Amino acid sequence: MGYARLCGVRLWQVLLGYIASFCALVVTAMAIMVLFAAAGIISQTQLEQNMQRWQQVTTP
């Protein structure tokens, strides 16, 4: 609510900006990850194994 008051805009506009920024961040991170995987810098199988291990640790 502070940004809305500070900038003189409605609260929904500030929230929409946060949502748009988050979506842009996710898309950019995914694009970079795909580029790294295509270049061979990141191993997709290693990522999958790490993700499975992480899911097993967090599952009660």
PDB file of N, CA and C in Angstrom:
ATOM      1  N   MET A   1       0.824  -1.182   0.000  1.00  0.00           N
ATOM      2  CA  MET A   1       0.000   0.000   0.000  1.00  0.00           C
ATOM      3  C   MET A   1       0.871   1.249   0.000  1.00  0.00           C
ATOM      4  N   GLY A   2       2.102   1.111   0.429  1.00  0.00           N
ATOM      5  CA  GLY A   2       3.004   2.248   0.472  1.00  0.00           C
ATOM      6  C   GLY A   2       3.348   2.767  -0.915  1.00  0.00           C
ATOM      7  N   TYR A   3       3.600   1.837  -1.863  1.00  0.00           N
ATOM      8  CA  TYR A   3       3.927   2.269  -3.222  1.00  0.00           C
ATOM      9  C   TYR A   3       2.731   2.948  -3.881  1.00  0.00           C
ATOM     10  N   ALA A   4       1.537   2.446  -3.616  1.00  0.00           N
ATOM     11  CA  ALA A   4       0.345   3.048  -4.207  1.00  0.00           C
ATOM     12  C   ALA A   4       0.174   4.475  -3.710  1.00  0.00           C
ATOM     13  N   ARG A   5       0.369   4.675  -2.442  1.00  0.00           N
ATOM     14  CA  ARG A   5       0.231   6.021  -1.883  1.00  0.00           C
ATOM     15  C   ARG A   5       1.377   6.919  -2.340  1.00  0.00           C
ATOM     16  N   LEU A   6       2.573   6.369  -2.369  1.00  0.00           N
ATOM     17  CA  LEU A   6       3.748   7.146  -2.760  1.00  0.00           C
ATOM     18  C   LEU A   6       3.659   7.610  -4.216  1.00  0.00           C
ATOM     19  N   CYS A   7       3.212   6.711  -5.100  1.00  0.00           N
ATOM     20  CA  CYS A   7       3.150   7.037  -6.524  1.00  0.00           C
ATOM     21  C   CYS A   7       1.822   7.655  -6.938  1.00  0.00           C
ATOM     22  N   GLY A   8       0.844   7.599  -6.066  1.00  0.00           N
ATOM     23  CA  GLY A   8      -0.459   8.165  -6.391  1.00  0.00           C
ATOM     24  C   GLY A   8      -1.250   7.330  -7.379  1.00  0.00           C
ATOM     25  N   VAL A   9      -1.071   6.010  -7.347  1.00  0.00           N
ATOM     26  CA  VAL A   9      -1.823   5.114  -8.225  1.00  0.00           C
ATOM     27  C   VAL A   9      -2.680   4.191  -7.371  1.00  0.00           C
ATOM     28  N   ARG A  10      -3.561   3.467  -8.044  1.00  0.00           N
ATOM     29  CA  ARG A  10      -4.439   2.542  -7.325  1.00  0.00           C
ATOM     30  C   ARG A  10      -3.668   1.287  -6.918  1.00  0.00           C
ATOM     31  N   LEU A  11      -4.157   0.647  -5.869  1.00  0.00           N
ATOM     32  CA  LEU A  11      -3.486  -0.539  -5.335  1.00  0.00           C
ATOM     33  C   LEU A  11      -3.445  -1.668  -6.358  1.00  0.00           C
ATOM     34  N   TRP A  12      -4.513  -1.848  -7.120  1.00  0.00           N
ATOM     35  CA  TRP A  12      -4.540  -2.939  -8.093  1.00  0.00           C
ATOM     36  C   TRP A  12      -3.489  -2.737  -9.175  1.00  0.00           C
ATOM     37  N   GLN A  13      -3.145  -1.490  -9.483  1.00  0.00           N
ATOM     38  CA  GLN A  13      -2.110  -1.239 -10.479  1.00  0.00           C
ATOM     39  C   GLN A  13      -0.736  -1.664  -9.952  1.00  0.00           C
ATOM     40  N   VAL A  14      -0.505  -1.420  -8.683  1.00  0.00           N
ATOM     41  CA  VAL A  14       0.759  -1.842  -8.072  1.00  0.00           C
ATOM     42  C   VAL A  14       0.832  -3.369  -8.039  1.00  0.00           C
ATOM     43  N   LEU A  15      -0.255  -4.022  -7.650  1.00  0.00           N
ATOM     44  CA  LEU A  15      -0.279  -5.487  -7.612  1.00  0.00           C
ATOM     45  C   LEU A  15      -0.106  -6.081  -9.005  1.00  0.00           C
ATOM     46  N   LEU A  16      -0.724  -5.461  -9.995  1.00  0.00           N
ATOM     47  CA  LEU A  16      -0.565  -5.919 -11.372  1.00  0.00           C
ATOM     48  C   LEU A  16       0.890  -5.791 -11.817  1.00  0.00           C
ATOM     49  N   GLY A  17       1.547  -4.739 -11.397  1.00  0.00           N
ATOM     50  CA  GLY A  17       2.965  -4.567 -11.705  1.00  0.00           C
ATOM     51  C   GLY A  17       3.818  -5.654 -11.076  1.00  0.00           C
ATOM     52  N   TYR A  18       3.510  -6.009  -9.822  1.00  0.00           N
ATOM     53  CA  TYR A  18       4.238  -7.095  -9.156  1.00  0.00           C
ATOM     54  C   TYR A  18       4.030  -8.419  -9.888  1.00  0.00           C
ATOM     55  N   ILE A  19       2.802  -8.701 -10.281  1.00  0.00           N
ATOM     56  CA  ILE A  19       2.506  -9.957 -10.981  1.00  0.00           C
ATOM     57  C   ILE A  19       3.214  -9.998 -12.331  1.00  0.00           C
ATOM     58  N   ALA A  20       3.177  -8.887 -13.062  1.00  0.00           N
ATOM     59  CA  ALA A  20       3.852  -8.828 -14.363  1.00  0.00           C
ATOM     60  C   ALA A  20       5.361  -8.991 -14.201  1.00  0.00           C
ATOM     61  N   SER A  21       5.928  -8.386 -13.178  1.00  0.00           N
ATOM     62  CA  SER A  21       7.368  -8.511 -12.935  1.00  0.00           C
ATOM     63  C   SER A  21       7.738  -9.949 -12.598  1.00  0.00           C
ATOM     64  N   PHE A  22       6.920 -10.609 -11.785  1.00  0.00           N
ATOM     65  CA  PHE A  22       7.183 -11.999 -11.424  1.00  0.00           C
ATOM     66  C   PHE A  22       7.122 -12.899 -12.656  1.00  0.00           C
ATOM     67  N   CYS A  23       6.114 -12.689 -13.505  1.00  0.00           N
ATOM     68  CA  CYS A  23       5.994 -13.492 -14.726  1.00  0.00           C
ATOM     69  C   CYS A  23       7.190 -13.272 -15.649  1.00  0.00           C
ATOM     70  N   ALA A  24       7.624 -12.033 -15.780  1.00  0.00           N
ATOM     71  CA  ALA A  24       8.790 -11.734 -16.616  1.00  0.00           C
ATOM     72  C   ALA A  24      10.042 -12.399 -16.049  1.00  0.00           C
ATOM     73  N   LEU A  25      10.171 -12.415 -14.730  1.00  0.00           N
ATOM     74  CA  LEU A  25      11.313 -13.060 -14.090  1.00  0.00           C
ATOM     75  C   LEU A  25      11.320 -14.561 -14.363  1.00  0.00           C
ATOM     76  N   VAL A  26      10.166 -15.201 -14.242  1.00  0.00           N
ATOM     77  CA  VAL A  26      10.075 -16.646 -14.474  1.00  0.00           C
ATOM     78  C   VAL A  26      10.409 -16.980 -15.926  1.00  0.00           C
ATOM     79  N   VAL A  27       9.858 -16.217 -16.864  1.00  0.00           N
ATOM     80  CA  VAL A  27      10.123 -16.469 -18.282  1.00  0.00           C
ATOM     81  C   VAL A  27      11.607 -16.274 -18.594  1.00  0.00           C
ATOM     82  N   THR A  28      12.207 -15.225 -18.061  1.00  0.00           N
ATOM     83  CA  THR A  28      13.628 -14.964 -18.294  1.00  0.00           C
ATOM     84  C   THR A  28      14.499 -16.068 -17.702  1.00  0.00           C
ATOM     85  N   ALA A  29      14.180 -16.504 -16.486  1.00  0.00           N
ATOM     86  CA  ALA A  29      14.953 -17.570 -15.847  1.00  0.00           C
ATOM     87  C   ALA A  29      14.848 -18.871 -16.638  1.00  0.00           C
ATOM     88  N   MET A  30      13.651 -19.172 -17.128  1.00  0.00           N
ATOM     89  CA  MET A  30      13.480 -20.389 -17.920  1.00  0.00           C
ATOM     90  C   MET A  30      14.255 -20.307 -19.234  1.00  0.00           C
ATOM     91  N   ALA A  31      14.245 -19.141 -19.873  1.00  0.00           N
ATOM     92  CA  ALA A  31      14.976 -18.972 -21.131  1.00  0.00           C
ATOM     93  C   ALA A  31      16.478 -19.132 -20.915  1.00  0.00           C
ATOM     94  N   ILE A  32      16.992 -18.565 -19.847  1.00  0.00           N
ATOM     95  CA  ILE A  32      18.419 -18.696 -19.545  1.00  0.00           C
ATOM     96  C   ILE A  32      18.770 -20.148 -19.241  1.00  0.00           C
ATOM     97  N   MET A  33      17.892 -20.828 -18.523  1.00  0.00           N
ATOM     98  CA  MET A  33      18.153 -22.229 -18.191  1.00  0.00           C
ATOM     99  C   MET A  33      18.160 -23.097 -19.454  1.00  0.00           C
ATOM    100  N   VAL A  34      17.247 -22.824 -20.374  1.00  0.00           N
ATOM    101  CA  VAL A  34      17.216 -23.568 -21.637  1.00  0.00           C
ATOM    102  C   VAL A  34      18.483 -23.300 -22.445  1.00  0.00           C
ATOM    103  N   LEU A  35      18.928 -22.052 -22.474  1.00  0.00           N
ATOM    104  CA  LEU A  35      20.160 -21.723 -23.194  1.00  0.00           C
ATOM    105  C   LEU A  35      21.368 -22.431 -22.586  1.00  0.00           C
ATOM    106  N   PHE A  36      21.449 -22.448 -21.268  1.00  0.00           N
ATOM    107  CA  PHE A  36      22.559 -23.133 -20.606  1.00  0.00           C
ATOM    108  C   PHE A  36      22.507 -24.638 -20.861  1.00  0.00           C
ATOM    109  N   ALA A  37      21.306 -25.207 -20.849  1.00  0.00           N
ATOM    110  CA  ALA A  37      21.172 -26.642 -21.111  1.00  0.00           C
ATOM    111  C   ALA A  37      21.552 -26.955 -22.554  1.00  0.00           C
ATOM    112  N   ALA A  38      21.169 -26.089 -23.477  1.00  0.00           N
ATOM    113  CA  ALA A  38      21.508 -26.313 -24.884  1.00  0.00           C
ATOM    114  C   ALA A  38      23.011 -26.182 -25.114  1.00  0.00           C
ATOM    115  N   ALA A  39      23.659 -25.316 -24.358  1.00  0.00           N
ATOM    116  CA  ALA A  39      25.105 -25.129 -24.504  1.00  0.00           C
ATOM    117  C   ALA A  39      25.898 -26.213 -23.785  1.00  0.00           C
ATOM    118  N   GLY A  40      25.223 -27.033 -22.986  1.00  0.00           N
ATOM    119  CA  GLY A  40      25.904 -28.103 -22.270  1.00  0.00           C
ATOM    120  C   GLY A  40      26.499 -27.671 -20.945  1.00  0.00           C
ATOM    121  N   ILE A  41      26.191 -26.479 -20.512  1.00  0.00           N
ATOM    122  CA  ILE A  41      26.715 -25.991 -19.235  1.00  0.00           C
ATOM    123  C   ILE A  41      25.977 -26.648 -18.074  1.00  0.00           C
ATOM    124  N   ILE A  42      24.682 -26.884 -18.273  1.00  0.00           N
ATOM    125  CA  ILE A  42      23.850 -27.510 -17.245  1.00  0.00           C
ATOM    126  C   ILE A  42      23.415 -28.883 -17.749  1.00  0.00           C
ATOM    127  N   SER A  43      23.532 -29.875 -16.911  1.00  0.00           N
ATOM    128  CA  SER A  43      23.090 -31.225 -17.248  1.00  0.00           C
ATOM    129  C   SER A  43      21.634 -31.389 -16.813  1.00  0.00           C
ATOM    130  N   GLN A  44      20.765 -31.688 -17.775  1.00  0.00           N
ATOM    131  CA  GLN A  44      19.350 -31.841 -17.453  1.00  0.00           C
ATOM    132  C   GLN A  44      19.098 -33.061 -16.573  1.00  0.00           C
ATOM    133  N   THR A  45      19.832 -34.129 -16.795  1.00  0.00           N
ATOM    134  CA  THR A  45      19.636 -35.317 -15.964  1.00  0.00           C
ATOM    135  C   THR A  45      20.056 -35.041 -14.523  1.00  0.00           C
ATOM    136  N   GLN A  46      21.132 -34.283 -14.351  1.00  0.00           N
ATOM    137  CA  GLN A  46      21.573 -33.928 -12.999  1.00  0.00           C
ATOM    138  C   GLN A  46      20.532 -33.046 -12.313  1.00  0.00           C
ATOM    139  N   LEU A  47      19.941 -32.120 -13.064  1.00  0.00           N
ATOM    140  CA  LEU A  47      18.890 -31.270 -12.500  1.00  0.00           C
ATOM    141  C   LEU A  47      17.686 -32.101 -12.059  1.00  0.00           C
ATOM    142  N   GLU A  48      17.296 -33.071 -12.892  1.00  0.00           N
ATOM    143  CA  GLU A  48      16.167 -33.930 -12.552  1.00  0.00           C
ATOM    144  C   GLU A  48      16.457 -34.745 -11.297  1.00  0.00           C
ATOM    145  N   GLN A  49      17.669 -35.275 -11.187  1.00  0.00           N
ATOM    146  CA  GLN A  49      18.042 -36.052 -10.005  1.00  0.00           C
ATOM    147  C   GLN A  49      18.032 -35.182  -8.755  1.00  0.00           C
ATOM    148  N   ASN A  50      18.564 -33.976  -8.870  1.00  0.00           N
ATOM    149  CA  ASN A  50      18.561 -33.069  -7.724  1.00  0.00           C
ATOM    150  C   ASN A  50      17.143 -32.702  -7.313  1.00  0.00           C
ATOM    151  N   MET A  51      16.263 -32.489  -8.290  1.00  0.00           N
ATOM    152  CA  MET A  51      14.881 -32.137  -7.985  1.00  0.00           C
ATOM    153  C   MET A  51      14.167 -33.299  -7.302  1.00  0.00           C
ATOM    154  N   GLN A  52      14.396 -34.526  -7.771  1.00  0.00           N
ATOM    155  CA  GLN A  52      13.779 -35.691  -7.145  1.00  0.00           C
ATOM    156  C   GLN A  52      14.285 -35.873  -5.722  1.00  0.00           C
ATOM    157  N   ARG A  53      15.574 -35.669  -5.512  1.00  0.00           N
ATOM    158  CA  ARG A  53      16.145 -35.776  -4.170  1.00  0.00           C
ATOM    159  C   ARG A  53      15.551 -34.714  -3.251  1.00  0.00           C
ATOM    160  N   TRP A  54      15.397 -33.498  -3.767  1.00  0.00           N
ATOM    161  CA  TRP A  54      14.824 -32.404  -2.979  1.00  0.00           C
ATOM    162  C   TRP A  54      13.375 -32.702  -2.608  1.00  0.00           C
ATOM    163  N   GLN A  55      12.607 -33.287  -3.536  1.00  0.00           N
ATOM    164  CA  GLN A  55      11.216 -33.624  -3.256  1.00  0.00           C
ATOM    165  C   GLN A  55      11.120 -34.735  -2.218  1.00  0.00           C
ATOM    166  N   GLN A  56      12.039 -35.682  -2.236  1.00  0.00           N
ATOM    167  CA  GLN A  56      12.018 -36.762  -1.258  1.00  0.00           C
ATOM    168  C   GLN A  56      12.358 -36.249   0.130  1.00  0.00           C
ATOM    169  N   VAL A  57      13.241 -35.287   0.219  1.00  0.00           N
ATOM    170  CA  VAL A  57      13.633 -34.736   1.518  1.00  0.00           C
ATOM    171  C   VAL A  57      12.499 -33.932   2.120  1.00  0.00           C
ATOM    172  N   THR A  58      11.773 -33.159   1.304  1.00  0.00           N
ATOM    173  CA  THR A  58      10.719 -32.296   1.835  1.00  0.00           C
ATOM    174  C   THR A  58       9.412 -33.034   2.061  1.00  0.00           C
ATOM    175  N   THR A  59       9.234 -34.214   1.462  1.00  0.00           N
ATOM    176  CA  THR A  59       8.009 -34.978   1.662  1.00  0.00           C
ATOM    177  C   THR A  59       8.083 -35.701   3.007  1.00  0.00           C
ATOM    178  N   PRO A  60       7.065 -35.502   3.869  1.00  0.00           N
ATOM    179  CA  PRO A  60       7.108 -36.163   5.198  1.00  0.00           C
ATOM    180  C   PRO A  60       6.860 -37.648   5.126  1.00  0.00           C
TER     181      PRO A  60
END
